[in-house]
Amino acid sequence: MRHQTAGIDIGKRHALGTLLGIGTGVAGAGLLLPGKAVAAERGPEAGRPSFNVRHFGATGNGTTLDTPAINKAIEAAAAAGGGTVLVPAGTYLCFSIRLKSNVALYLDAGATILGATPPDGGPGYDPPEPGPGNYYEDFGHRHWHNALIWGVGLENVSILGPGLIYGKGLLRGTGIGMHPMGNTLIPYRYHVGRTRHRPQPIPITGQGDKCIALKNCHNVILRDFSILQGGHFGILATGVDNLTIDNLLIDTERDGMDLDCCWNTRVTNCTVNDPFDDGICPKSSGALGYPRPTKNMTISNCFVTGGYEVGSVLNGTWKRFPPTAGIRNGRFKYGTESYGGFINVTISNCVFENTMGLALETVDGAHLEDVSISNVTMRDVGVAPIFMRLGSRMLAPLYQRHSPPSTPVGKLRRVNISNLVVSNTSGRWASILSGIPGHDIEEVRLNGITILTQGGGTKEDAAIVLPERAEGYPEPTMFGTTPAYGFYLRHIKGLDMSDIEIQYEKEDQRPPIILDDVKGADFFHIGAQHAPGVDVFALKNVRDFNVLWSKSVPDTRLETVTSKSL
């Protein structure tokens, strides 16, 4: 039986292992009895014991369930004090693979871990463990055992090699929740009053909803492999410290990687295609049952996109969605869950293509601070290129609440964004930086930014007054069409913008920049295309405003202004 994987014939992938005499079932050099380490086996680290899953009974034929054999190999490696579990070329049909400390899982060239589809009423993926009682994160955020590959409380763990993890049999997670009386899965939906309707439970047993799930681990390396159709999450890492993610290709329908409550994380050289959800998405949720920030995180040299059909980046066909397909996602987003906060964040040398841009969000009472973003290019951005939101949703601290929270509103502060180039961004939305009344975004520096938008805004658009929506779900689209076409800046204290160039393709009747309730705003060397009769700046309730050496605007200093255009 063959399995066709987005143009990849995975039914032939074990041929290399046959040529090398690995796992063929024929006695020969390097073949030991089942359960024995193969010290001389070809593996990623010379001199370390290697445990070939074929020697533990794995077939790699794509139809026989190989989970027991792979788990036995992992257990044998752990019992020996550590080692490499080698998965040679072939297609290994699996349910839950359970990682162990001091073990590296090495997916050789041509090796595919294929997520099986559970039979009705039959065995399947490991059941989800009881959660901390929090029903405001999605079900997928709060459970780790129901994954294709998972580990909890481990150290010194790696998944390496050029092979593929194909989550074909995984759920995407949409519409699945946790019944409050146990581990029965039920459909749910959000309600305007921030409660969830809980209809009659519908048992769903044996299902998995993520490719890789890790919780409370440290010293973890994920390197060189690819993920196709990762379920709800290609990677869910929660409370994982000293985490290295390098040279991965993720081509999936929901989140590519969620890095939740993690410390000391490095994400480098990754490609993520994610048309229907977020590509790289750090979070700081309440999934651990207590607040823990995501901190000391570096993301660099990555390409994120939502513009290609799932599987077409992996197989090299790069099949674009038609223009009528609507807004694609695939973005960088810090949030939406932001219970513990984000501290010490850098993003550099990255490319965004056909995405929803960059989002920095804290809406659940925590701090998002000390952020540096540099050397980023964006093309074909469906909404706001930059979205910074300080809000007061406050879901995570009070589980199942029905009344306004007492938790203080968080902080969004000390953010530097430099050397950003954006082209063909949507004409409906400006970049949005918005706090809420009484709670300002603080100390923001934007430097060396060029934006080319589609334009086309009307005089009616320019007259729009945006709602506050302090408790709303944070999205760039939450306010509707913006009355500015370049930057909409509201509830900010300490803003420095320099070397900014804003242009449109189609004439726009909106001002390039609007400031509303901004204290301490300095603009230097601003170039902003504007239609005849349209001013560059529209100011409302602004204090300590300065603009210098800027095109079409004379040098101006204003101590206090209620309403003014420049």
Protein backbone atom coordinates (compact mmCIF):
# COMPACT_ATOMS: atom_id res chain seq x y z
CA MET A 1 0.00 0.00 0.00
CA ARG A 2 1.37 3.41 -0.96
CA HIS A 3 0.77 6.72 0.77
CA GLN A 4 1.03 9.80 -1.41
CA THR A 5 2.27 12.82 0.56
CA ALA A 6 1.75 16.05 -1.36
CA GLY A 7 3.66 14.69 -4.33
CA ILE A 8 6.16 12.67 -2.30
CA ASP A 9 6.07 8.92 -2.83
CA ILE A 10 6.71 7.79 0.74
CA GLY A 11 6.10 4.19 -0.20
CA LYS A 12 9.64 3.95 -1.60
CA ARG A 13 11.49 5.67 1.18
CA HIS A 14 12.83 2.55 2.89
CA ALA A 15 14.83 1.60 -0.21
CA LEU A 16 17.94 3.31 1.11
CA GLY A 17 17.82 1.21 4.27
CA THR A 18 17.63 -1.93 2.13
CA LEU A 19 20.67 -0.92 0.11
CA LEU A 20 22.65 -0.30 3.29
CA GLY A 21 21.63 -3.61 4.85
CA ILE A 22 19.78 -1.87 7.67
CA GLY A 23 16.56 -3.39 8.94
CA THR A 24 16.02 -5.71 5.95
CA GLY A 25 15.59 -8.83 8.04
CA VAL A 26 18.64 -10.40 6.36
CA ALA A 27 21.64 -11.32 8.50
CA GLY A 28 24.68 -9.30 7.66
CA ALA A 29 27.25 -6.84 8.84
CA GLY A 30 25.96 -4.53 11.56
CA LEU A 31 22.78 -6.55 12.25
CA LEU A 32 22.40 -7.55 15.90
CA LEU A 33 19.74 -9.36 17.80
CA PRO A 34 16.60 -7.42 18.73
CA GLY A 35 17.04 -5.13 21.73
CA LYS A 36 20.82 -4.74 21.35
CA ALA A 37 22.59 -1.45 20.84
CA VAL A 38 24.46 -1.10 17.58
CA ALA A 39 27.57 0.89 18.45
CA ALA A 40 28.91 0.73 14.88
CA GLU A 41 25.59 1.68 13.26
CA ARG A 42 25.60 4.74 11.04
CA GLY A 43 24.16 7.56 13.13
CA PRO A 44 24.41 11.26 13.85
CA GLU A 45 27.15 10.99 16.49
CA ALA A 46 30.06 8.64 15.99
CA GLY A 47 30.98 6.58 19.03
CA ARG A 48 27.58 6.81 20.72
CA PRO A 49 25.28 3.80 20.96
CA SER A 50 22.59 3.71 18.30
CA PHE A 51 19.34 1.77 18.57
CA ASN A 52 17.87 0.94 15.18
CA VAL A 53 14.08 0.69 15.38
CA ARG A 54 14.16 -2.12 12.77
CA HIS A 55 15.97 -4.31 15.30
CA PHE A 56 13.03 -3.87 17.68
CA GLY A 57 10.47 -5.01 15.13
CA ALA A 58 9.62 -1.87 13.15
CA THR A 59 8.75 -2.63 9.53
CA GLY A 60 8.73 0.80 7.91
CA ASN A 61 6.24 -0.45 5.33
CA GLY A 62 3.64 2.27 5.92
CA THR A 63 0.81 -0.14 6.80
CA THR A 64 1.97 -2.05 9.89
CA LEU A 65 1.69 -0.11 13.16
CA ASP A 66 5.28 0.53 14.24
CA THR A 67 4.65 2.48 17.46
CA PRO A 68 5.42 -0.43 19.85
CA ALA A 69 8.77 -1.10 18.20
CA ILE A 70 9.83 2.56 18.21
CA ASN A 71 8.83 2.98 21.84
CA LYS A 72 10.78 -0.15 22.77
CA ALA A 73 13.87 1.25 21.08
CA ILE A 74 13.48 4.53 22.99
CA GLU A 75 13.05 2.67 26.27
CA ALA A 76 16.14 0.56 25.58
CA ALA A 77 18.20 3.67 24.83
CA ALA A 78 17.02 5.33 28.05
CA ALA A 79 17.77 2.18 30.08
CA ALA A 80 21.30 2.16 28.67
CA GLY A 81 21.85 5.68 29.99
CA GLY A 82 21.08 7.38 26.70
CA GLY A 83 21.79 7.09 23.01
CA THR A 84 20.42 7.65 19.54
CA VAL A 85 17.31 5.89 18.28
CA LEU A 86 17.79 5.54 14.54
CA VAL A 87 14.77 5.57 12.25
CA PRO A 88 16.14 4.49 8.85
CA ALA A 89 14.47 5.12 5.49
CA GLY A 90 10.89 3.86 5.36
CA THR A 91 7.38 4.88 6.35
CA TYR A 92 6.51 4.15 9.98
CA LEU A 93 2.80 4.19 10.78
CA CYS A 94 2.46 5.39 14.37
CA PHE A 95 0.27 6.53 17.19
CA SER A 96 1.93 8.18 20.24
CA ILE A 97 5.74 7.96 20.40
CA ARG A 98 6.96 8.62 23.96
CA LEU A 99 10.28 10.42 24.28
CA LYS A 100 12.71 9.77 27.15
CA SER A 101 15.51 11.76 28.76
CA ASN A 102 19.00 11.54 27.24
CA VAL A 103 17.65 10.09 24.00
CA ALA A 104 17.95 11.50 20.49
CA LEU A 105 15.39 10.39 17.89
CA TYR A 106 17.15 10.51 14.52
CA LEU A 107 15.03 10.48 11.36
CA ASP A 108 17.31 9.38 8.54
CA ALA A 109 17.00 10.59 4.95
CA GLY A 110 13.89 8.98 3.48
CA ALA A 111 12.34 8.22 6.89
CA THR A 112 8.73 9.25 7.51
CA ILE A 113 6.85 9.07 10.80
CA LEU A 114 3.26 8.80 9.57
CA GLY A 115 0.48 9.73 11.99
CA ALA A 116 -2.12 6.95 11.90
CA THR A 117 -5.88 7.49 11.79
CA PRO A 118 -7.54 5.82 14.80
CA PRO A 119 -10.23 3.27 13.95
CA ASP A 120 -13.72 3.85 15.32
CA GLY A 121 -13.81 2.51 18.86
CA GLY A 122 -10.28 1.10 18.55
CA PRO A 123 -6.91 2.04 20.08
CA GLY A 124 -5.22 5.22 19.06
CA TYR A 125 -3.14 8.04 20.45
CA ASP A 126 -2.45 8.31 24.17
CA PRO A 127 -5.39 9.87 26.04
CA PRO A 128 -5.09 13.51 27.12
CA GLU A 129 -3.94 13.85 30.69
CA PRO A 130 -6.04 15.90 33.17
CA GLY A 131 -5.42 19.64 32.79
CA PRO A 132 -5.08 22.36 35.45
CA GLY A 133 -8.77 23.23 35.27
CA ASN A 134 -8.39 26.08 32.80
CA TYR A 135 -11.01 26.15 30.07
CA TYR A 136 -10.03 29.39 28.37
CA GLU A 137 -7.12 28.09 26.35
CA ASP A 138 -8.00 25.78 23.50
CA PHE A 139 -8.06 22.10 24.38
CA GLY A 140 -4.90 21.59 22.35
CA HIS A 141 -2.92 24.05 24.50
CA ARG A 142 -3.62 22.21 27.74
CA HIS A 143 -2.70 18.61 26.92
CA TRP A 144 0.45 16.94 25.63
CA HIS A 145 0.02 13.15 25.75
CA ASN A 146 -2.43 13.10 22.84
CA ALA A 147 0.31 13.82 20.31
CA LEU A 148 2.20 11.90 17.67
CA ILE A 149 5.48 12.49 19.56
CA TRP A 150 5.46 13.73 23.15
CA GLY A 151 7.55 14.15 26.29
CA VAL A 152 6.87 15.57 29.75
CA GLY A 153 9.44 16.38 32.44
CA LEU A 154 12.43 15.33 30.34
CA GLU A 155 15.99 16.55 29.89
CA ASN A 156 18.58 16.30 27.12
CA VAL A 157 16.15 15.33 24.37
CA SER A 158 16.59 15.72 20.60
CA ILE A 159 14.67 15.06 17.41
CA LEU A 160 17.12 15.28 14.54
CA GLY A 161 17.73 14.33 10.95
CA PRO A 162 16.43 15.08 7.46
CA GLY A 163 13.32 12.87 7.69
CA LEU A 164 9.63 13.81 7.70
CA ILE A 165 6.91 13.84 10.36
CA TYR A 166 3.55 13.61 8.58
CA GLY A 167 0.55 14.15 10.86
CA LYS A 168 -1.94 12.73 8.41
CA GLY A 169 -4.21 11.17 11.05
CA LEU A 170 -4.21 14.11 13.47
CA LEU A 171 -7.15 16.39 14.23
CA ARG A 172 -6.78 20.06 13.43
CA GLY A 173 -8.35 20.90 16.79
CA THR A 174 -11.13 23.12 15.47
CA GLY A 175 -14.25 23.07 17.61
CA ILE A 176 -12.86 20.68 20.24
CA GLY A 177 -13.02 21.53 23.94
CA MET A 178 -12.69 19.83 27.33
CA HIS A 179 -15.75 18.87 29.35
CA PRO A 180 -15.36 20.17 32.92
CA MET A 181 -16.23 16.81 34.50
CA GLY A 182 -13.41 14.82 32.96
CA ASN A 183 -11.48 14.09 29.80
CA THR A 184 -14.47 13.85 27.49
CA LEU A 185 -14.01 16.03 24.43
CA ILE A 186 -16.91 18.23 23.37
CA PRO A 187 -17.51 20.91 20.75
CA TYR A 188 -17.33 24.48 22.01
CA ARG A 189 -17.59 28.00 20.71
CA TYR A 190 -16.82 31.44 22.11
CA HIS A 191 -19.68 33.57 23.35
CA VAL A 192 -19.91 37.36 23.42
CA GLY A 193 -20.04 37.27 27.21
CA ARG A 194 -16.73 35.37 27.30
CA THR A 195 -18.25 32.09 28.43
CA ARG A 196 -18.30 28.88 26.43
CA HIS A 197 -21.40 26.95 25.64
CA ARG A 198 -20.99 23.35 26.76
CA PRO A 199 -23.49 21.11 24.99
CA GLN A 200 -24.03 17.44 25.64
CA PRO A 201 -20.61 15.71 25.71
CA ILE A 202 -19.68 13.83 22.56
CA PRO A 203 -17.00 11.21 23.33
CA ILE A 204 -14.03 11.26 20.98
CA THR A 205 -11.48 8.62 21.95
CA GLY A 206 -8.02 7.83 20.67
CA GLN A 207 -7.53 11.07 18.75
CA GLY A 208 -4.32 13.07 18.54
CA ASP A 209 -4.11 16.74 17.66
CA LYS A 210 -0.41 17.73 17.43
CA CYS A 211 2.83 16.41 15.94
CA ILE A 212 5.28 17.23 18.73
CA ALA A 213 4.26 18.14 22.29
CA LEU A 214 6.74 18.92 25.07
CA LYS A 215 6.04 20.09 28.60
CA ASN A 216 8.38 21.04 31.45
CA CYS A 217 11.49 19.83 29.63
CA HIS A 218 14.96 21.33 29.38
CA ASN A 219 17.91 21.04 27.02
CA VAL A 220 15.92 20.21 23.90
CA ILE A 221 17.06 20.28 20.27
CA LEU A 222 14.76 20.03 17.25
CA ARG A 223 16.76 20.17 14.04
CA ASP A 224 16.70 19.46 10.28
CA PHE A 225 13.42 17.55 9.87
CA SER A 226 10.18 18.55 8.15
CA ILE A 227 6.58 18.54 9.35
CA LEU A 228 3.62 18.09 7.03
CA GLN A 229 0.06 18.61 8.31
CA GLY A 230 0.91 19.03 11.97
CA GLY A 231 -2.65 18.94 13.36
CA HIS A 232 -3.52 21.75 15.77
CA PHE A 233 0.21 22.37 16.36
CA GLY A 234 3.25 21.26 14.45
CA ILE A 235 5.19 21.89 17.67
CA LEU A 236 3.74 22.72 21.09
CA ALA A 237 6.48 23.46 23.64
CA THR A 238 5.19 24.51 27.08
CA GLY A 239 7.51 25.33 29.95
CA VAL A 240 10.52 24.14 27.93
CA ASP A 241 13.90 25.74 28.73
CA ASN A 242 17.11 25.81 26.69
CA LEU A 243 15.20 25.02 23.52
CA THR A 244 16.91 25.06 20.11
CA ILE A 245 14.79 24.84 16.94
CA ASP A 246 16.89 24.95 13.80
CA ASN A 247 16.48 24.30 10.07
CA LEU A 248 12.92 22.96 10.19
CA LEU A 249 10.46 23.08 7.30
CA ILE A 250 6.84 23.14 8.53
CA ASP A 251 4.01 22.99 6.00
CA THR A 252 0.71 22.82 7.87
CA GLU A 253 -2.88 24.03 8.37
CA ARG A 254 -2.90 25.30 11.98
CA ASP A 255 -0.11 26.78 14.12
CA GLY A 256 3.37 25.89 12.94
CA MET A 257 5.04 26.21 16.32
CA ASP A 258 3.70 27.50 19.64
CA LEU A 259 6.39 28.31 22.19
CA ASP A 260 4.52 28.72 25.44
CA CYS A 261 6.07 29.77 28.78
CA CYS A 262 9.53 28.84 27.45
CA TRP A 263 12.87 30.26 28.64
CA ASN A 264 16.04 30.64 26.61
CA THR A 265 14.74 29.69 23.17
CA ARG A 266 16.52 29.95 19.82
CA VAL A 267 14.56 29.57 16.57
CA THR A 268 16.77 29.81 13.48
CA ASN A 269 16.77 29.01 9.78
CA CYS A 270 13.18 27.75 9.70
CA THR A 271 10.59 27.84 6.91
CA VAL A 272 6.93 27.83 7.93
CA ASN A 273 4.00 27.76 5.50
CA ASP A 274 0.73 28.11 7.39
CA PRO A 275 -2.15 29.50 5.34
CA PHE A 276 -4.89 29.12 7.95
CA ASP A 277 -3.24 29.96 11.28
CA ASP A 278 -0.11 31.45 12.86
CA GLY A 279 3.32 30.40 11.66
CA ILE A 280 5.56 31.11 14.67
CA CYS A 281 3.53 31.92 17.75
CA PRO A 282 5.11 32.46 21.17
CA LYS A 283 2.55 32.40 23.99
CA SER A 284 2.47 32.70 27.77
CA SER A 285 -0.77 30.93 28.59
CA GLY A 286 -2.18 29.54 31.82
CA ALA A 287 -1.78 25.98 30.58
CA LEU A 288 0.72 25.12 33.33
CA GLY A 289 -1.79 26.22 35.96
CA TYR A 290 0.31 29.22 37.03
CA PRO A 291 1.75 32.29 35.29
CA ARG A 292 5.17 31.82 33.70
CA PRO A 293 6.61 34.31 31.20
CA THR A 294 8.15 33.45 27.89
CA LYS A 295 11.58 35.06 28.09
CA ASN A 296 15.00 35.25 26.46
CA MET A 297 13.83 34.30 22.98
CA THR A 298 15.69 34.84 19.71
CA ILE A 299 14.12 34.22 16.31
CA SER A 300 16.33 34.76 13.27
CA ASN A 301 16.86 33.85 9.62
CA CYS A 302 13.33 32.49 9.19
CA PHE A 303 10.80 32.59 6.34
CA VAL A 304 7.10 32.61 7.21
CA THR A 305 4.24 32.58 4.76
CA GLY A 306 0.59 31.72 4.41
CA GLY A 307 0.49 32.07 0.66
CA TYR A 308 0.98 28.52 -0.58
CA GLU A 309 -1.22 25.45 -0.54
CA VAL A 310 -0.35 23.02 2.23
CA GLY A 311 2.34 20.61 1.09
CA SER A 312 3.46 22.67 -1.89
CA VAL A 313 6.41 24.28 -0.10
CA LEU A 314 7.59 20.88 1.12
CA ASN A 315 7.38 19.27 -2.32
CA GLY A 316 8.81 22.30 -4.12
CA THR A 317 5.81 23.15 -6.31
CA TRP A 318 5.08 26.43 -4.44
CA LYS A 319 1.43 26.48 -5.50
CA ARG A 320 -0.06 29.89 -4.70
CA PHE A 321 -3.59 30.51 -3.57
CA PRO A 322 -5.67 32.49 -6.07
CA PRO A 323 -6.22 36.22 -5.31
CA THR A 324 -9.87 35.45 -4.51
CA ALA A 325 -8.91 33.10 -1.67
CA GLY A 326 -8.90 35.95 0.89
CA ILE A 327 -6.46 36.88 3.63
CA ARG A 328 -3.84 34.27 4.42
CA ASN A 329 -2.30 33.97 7.89
CA GLY A 330 1.16 32.44 8.47
CA ARG A 331 2.36 35.29 10.68
CA PHE A 332 4.59 35.94 13.67
CA LYS A 333 2.39 36.55 16.71
CA TYR A 334 3.30 37.06 20.36
CA GLY A 335 -0.03 36.18 22.04
CA THR A 336 -2.96 35.79 21.99
CA GLU A 337 -2.58 33.97 25.32
CA SER A 338 -0.49 36.35 27.44
CA TYR A 339 -1.07 35.38 31.06
CA GLY A 340 2.62 35.16 32.04
CA GLY A 341 4.02 37.81 29.68
CA PHE A 342 7.00 38.12 27.35
CA ILE A 343 10.44 39.39 28.38
CA ASN A 344 13.61 39.86 26.30
CA VAL A 345 12.58 39.13 22.72
CA THR A 346 14.54 39.55 19.48
CA ILE A 347 13.44 38.93 15.89
CA SER A 348 15.98 39.54 13.12
CA ASN A 349 16.77 38.80 9.49
CA CYS A 350 13.38 37.32 8.65
CA VAL A 351 11.15 37.34 5.57
CA PHE A 352 7.33 37.48 5.63
CA GLU A 353 5.39 36.74 2.45
CA ASN A 354 1.62 36.73 2.05
CA THR A 355 0.93 36.82 5.78
CA MET A 356 -0.96 38.83 8.38
CA GLY A 357 2.26 40.56 9.41
CA LEU A 358 3.75 40.96 12.88
CA ALA A 359 1.65 41.03 16.07
CA LEU A 360 2.73 41.89 19.62
CA GLU A 361 -0.18 41.39 22.00
CA THR A 362 -0.68 41.38 25.75
CA VAL A 363 -4.32 41.36 26.83
CA ASP A 364 -4.44 39.10 29.91
CA GLY A 365 -2.69 41.25 32.51
CA ALA A 366 0.98 40.50 31.86
CA HIS A 367 3.98 42.47 30.59
CA LEU A 368 5.38 42.37 27.07
CA GLU A 369 8.65 44.26 27.29
CA ASP A 370 12.20 44.63 26.00
CA VAL A 371 11.62 43.70 22.38
CA SER A 372 14.01 44.27 19.47
CA ILE A 373 12.95 43.58 15.88
CA SER A 374 15.30 44.33 12.98
CA ASN A 375 16.05 43.56 9.33
CA VAL A 376 12.65 42.23 8.31
CA THR A 377 11.02 42.32 4.89
CA MET A 378 7.29 41.82 4.31
CA ARG A 379 5.47 41.38 1.02
CA ASP A 380 1.75 40.89 0.28
CA VAL A 381 0.55 41.61 3.81
CA GLY A 382 -3.20 41.04 4.12
CA VAL A 383 -3.79 43.30 7.13
CA ALA A 384 -1.69 45.66 9.31
CA PRO A 385 2.06 45.10 8.84
CA ILE A 386 2.65 45.98 12.52
CA PHE A 387 0.02 45.33 15.18
CA MET A 388 0.78 46.18 18.81
CA ARG A 389 -2.07 45.77 21.25
CA LEU A 390 -2.33 46.33 24.99
CA GLY A 391 -5.81 45.22 26.06
CA SER A 392 -7.87 43.99 29.01
CA ARG A 393 -9.41 40.70 27.90
CA MET A 394 -8.19 39.01 31.11
CA LEU A 395 -9.22 35.43 30.35
CA ALA A 396 -6.51 33.25 31.81
CA PRO A 397 -6.22 34.31 35.48
CA LEU A 398 -9.87 33.65 36.34
CA TYR A 399 -11.03 30.36 34.95
CA GLN A 400 -14.66 30.18 33.92
CA ARG A 401 -15.37 33.68 35.20
CA HIS A 402 -18.56 35.53 34.33
CA SER A 403 -17.79 38.98 35.80
CA PRO A 404 -15.18 41.71 35.16
CA PRO A 405 -11.68 40.71 36.35
CA SER A 406 -9.76 42.31 39.21
CA THR A 407 -6.36 41.56 37.64
CA PRO A 408 -4.49 44.76 36.70
CA VAL A 409 -3.98 45.56 33.04
CA GLY A 410 -0.49 44.61 31.88
CA LYS A 411 2.29 46.60 30.21
CA LEU A 412 3.54 46.78 26.65
CA ARG A 413 6.78 48.76 26.65
CA ARG A 414 10.32 49.19 25.40
CA VAL A 415 9.88 47.99 21.83
CA ASN A 416 12.36 48.83 19.06
CA ILE A 417 11.57 48.04 15.42
CA SER A 418 14.17 48.96 12.79
CA ASN A 419 15.04 48.29 9.17
CA LEU A 420 11.62 47.08 8.08
CA VAL A 421 10.58 47.01 4.41
CA VAL A 422 6.92 46.36 3.52
CA SER A 423 5.29 46.21 0.09
CA ASN A 424 1.77 45.50 -1.18
CA THR A 425 0.09 45.73 2.18
CA SER A 426 -3.71 45.94 2.32
CA GLY A 427 -5.21 49.36 1.76
CA ARG A 428 -7.83 48.88 4.50
CA TRP A 429 -5.54 48.79 7.52
CA ALA A 430 -2.70 50.97 8.69
CA SER A 431 -0.13 49.64 11.12
CA ILE A 432 -1.91 49.81 14.47
CA LEU A 433 -0.29 50.58 17.84
CA SER A 434 -3.07 50.86 20.40
CA GLY A 435 -3.32 50.73 24.14
CA ILE A 436 -6.58 51.39 25.97
CA PRO A 437 -7.81 54.43 27.95
CA GLY A 438 -5.68 54.85 31.06
CA HIS A 439 -3.16 52.22 29.95
CA ASP A 440 -0.59 53.35 27.40
CA ILE A 441 1.87 51.45 25.29
CA GLU A 442 5.21 52.89 26.41
CA GLU A 443 8.62 53.68 24.91
CA VAL A 444 8.32 52.62 21.29
CA ARG A 445 11.06 53.29 18.73
CA LEU A 446 10.40 52.83 15.00
CA ASN A 447 13.36 53.51 12.72
CA GLY A 448 14.22 52.88 9.08
CA ILE A 449 10.79 51.72 7.92
CA THR A 450 9.50 51.76 4.34
CA ILE A 451 5.86 50.86 3.63
CA LEU A 452 4.11 50.65 0.26
CA THR A 453 0.37 50.13 0.70
CA GLN A 454 -2.32 49.50 -1.88
CA GLY A 455 -4.10 52.68 -0.79
CA GLY A 456 -7.53 53.60 -2.13
CA GLY A 457 -9.03 54.94 1.11
CA THR A 458 -11.93 57.40 0.83
CA LYS A 459 -12.94 60.57 2.64
CA GLU A 460 -15.58 58.50 4.40
CA ASP A 461 -12.85 56.15 5.62
CA ALA A 462 -10.89 59.13 6.93
CA ALA A 463 -13.89 60.16 9.07
CA ILE A 464 -14.18 56.79 10.84
CA VAL A 465 -13.89 56.86 14.63
CA LEU A 466 -12.46 53.55 15.82
CA PRO A 467 -14.04 51.82 18.84
CA GLU A 468 -11.85 51.03 21.83
CA ARG A 469 -12.86 47.37 22.23
CA ALA A 470 -10.67 47.10 25.33
CA GLU A 471 -11.87 43.58 26.15
CA GLY A 472 -11.96 42.32 22.57
CA TYR A 473 -9.97 39.47 21.08
CA PRO A 474 -6.82 41.13 19.70
CA GLU A 475 -6.65 41.08 15.91
CA PRO A 476 -5.61 43.76 13.40
CA THR A 477 -9.11 43.54 11.93
CA MET A 478 -10.83 44.16 15.30
CA PHE A 479 -11.39 47.89 14.66
CA GLY A 480 -12.45 47.68 11.02
CA THR A 481 -11.02 49.98 8.36
CA THR A 482 -8.59 52.49 9.88
CA PRO A 483 -8.92 56.25 9.26
CA ALA A 484 -5.18 56.46 8.51
CA TYR A 485 -3.41 54.52 5.78
CA GLY A 486 0.12 54.39 7.25
CA PHE A 487 0.09 54.41 11.07
CA TYR A 488 -2.77 54.60 13.55
CA LEU A 489 -1.26 55.45 16.96
CA ARG A 490 -3.46 55.55 20.07
CA HIS A 491 -2.86 55.57 23.84
CA ILE A 492 0.94 55.70 23.67
CA LYS A 493 3.49 57.34 25.97
CA GLY A 494 6.97 57.86 24.55
CA LEU A 495 7.03 57.41 20.75
CA ASP A 496 10.05 57.99 18.52
CA MET A 497 9.70 57.52 14.75
CA SER A 498 12.59 58.33 12.41
CA ASP A 499 13.53 57.66 8.79
CA ILE A 500 10.02 56.55 7.86
CA GLU A 501 8.76 56.42 4.25
CA ILE A 502 5.06 55.74 3.57
CA GLN A 503 3.63 55.50 0.05
CA TYR A 504 0.50 54.21 -1.68
CA GLU A 505 -0.18 52.68 -5.10
CA LYS A 506 -3.68 54.16 -5.44
CA GLU A 507 -4.47 57.65 -4.22
CA ASP A 508 -5.70 57.63 -0.63
CA GLN A 509 -7.90 60.30 0.97
CA ARG A 510 -6.84 59.37 4.49
CA PRO A 511 -3.93 60.99 6.33
CA PRO A 512 -0.78 58.85 6.51
CA ILE A 513 -0.47 59.17 10.32
CA ILE A 514 -3.06 59.63 13.07
CA LEU A 515 -2.18 60.21 16.73
CA ASP A 516 -4.88 59.92 19.39
CA ASP A 517 -4.04 60.33 23.09
CA VAL A 518 -0.25 60.25 22.60
CA LYS A 519 2.22 61.80 25.04
CA GLY A 520 5.77 62.55 23.98
CA ALA A 521 5.95 61.91 20.22
CA ASP A 522 9.06 62.73 18.21
CA PHE A 523 9.11 62.41 14.40
CA PHE A 524 12.31 62.88 12.43
CA HIS A 525 12.85 62.61 8.68
CA ILE A 526 9.35 61.43 7.78
CA GLY A 527 8.32 61.02 4.15
CA ALA A 528 4.61 60.38 3.64
CA GLN A 529 2.80 60.52 0.33
CA HIS A 530 -0.54 62.30 0.63
CA ALA A 531 -3.35 63.31 -1.70
CA PRO A 532 -4.02 66.98 -2.52
CA GLY A 533 -5.82 68.62 0.37
CA VAL A 534 -4.93 65.79 2.80
CA ASP A 535 -2.56 66.51 5.68
CA VAL A 536 0.26 64.21 6.77
CA PHE A 537 -0.58 64.24 10.50
CA ALA A 538 -3.95 64.25 12.23
CA LEU A 539 -3.58 64.93 15.96
CA LYS A 540 -6.13 64.48 18.74
CA ASN A 541 -5.36 64.96 22.44
CA VAL A 542 -1.61 64.98 21.90
CA ARG A 543 1.04 66.37 24.25
CA ASP A 544 4.70 67.13 23.60
CA PHE A 545 4.70 66.60 19.83
CA ASN A 546 7.76 67.30 17.67
CA VAL A 547 8.43 66.87 13.97
CA LEU A 548 11.73 67.78 12.27
CA TRP A 549 13.30 67.51 8.81
CA SER A 550 10.25 65.91 7.26
CA LYS A 551 8.83 66.22 3.76
CA SER A 552 5.69 68.35 3.33
CA VAL A 553 5.60 69.23 7.05
CA PRO A 554 7.39 72.24 8.54
CA ASP A 555 9.42 71.74 11.69
CA THR A 556 6.83 71.90 14.45
CA ARG A 557 6.73 71.71 18.24
CA LEU A 558 3.43 71.50 20.09
CA GLU A 559 3.09 71.36 23.87
CA THR A 560 -0.58 70.43 23.95
CA VAL A 561 -3.15 70.05 21.18
CA THR A 562 -6.76 68.93 21.31
CA SER A 563 -7.27 68.65 17.57
CA LYS A 564 -4.97 69.69 14.74
CA SER A 565 -3.76 68.62 11.33
CA LEU A 566 -0.32 69.24 9.79
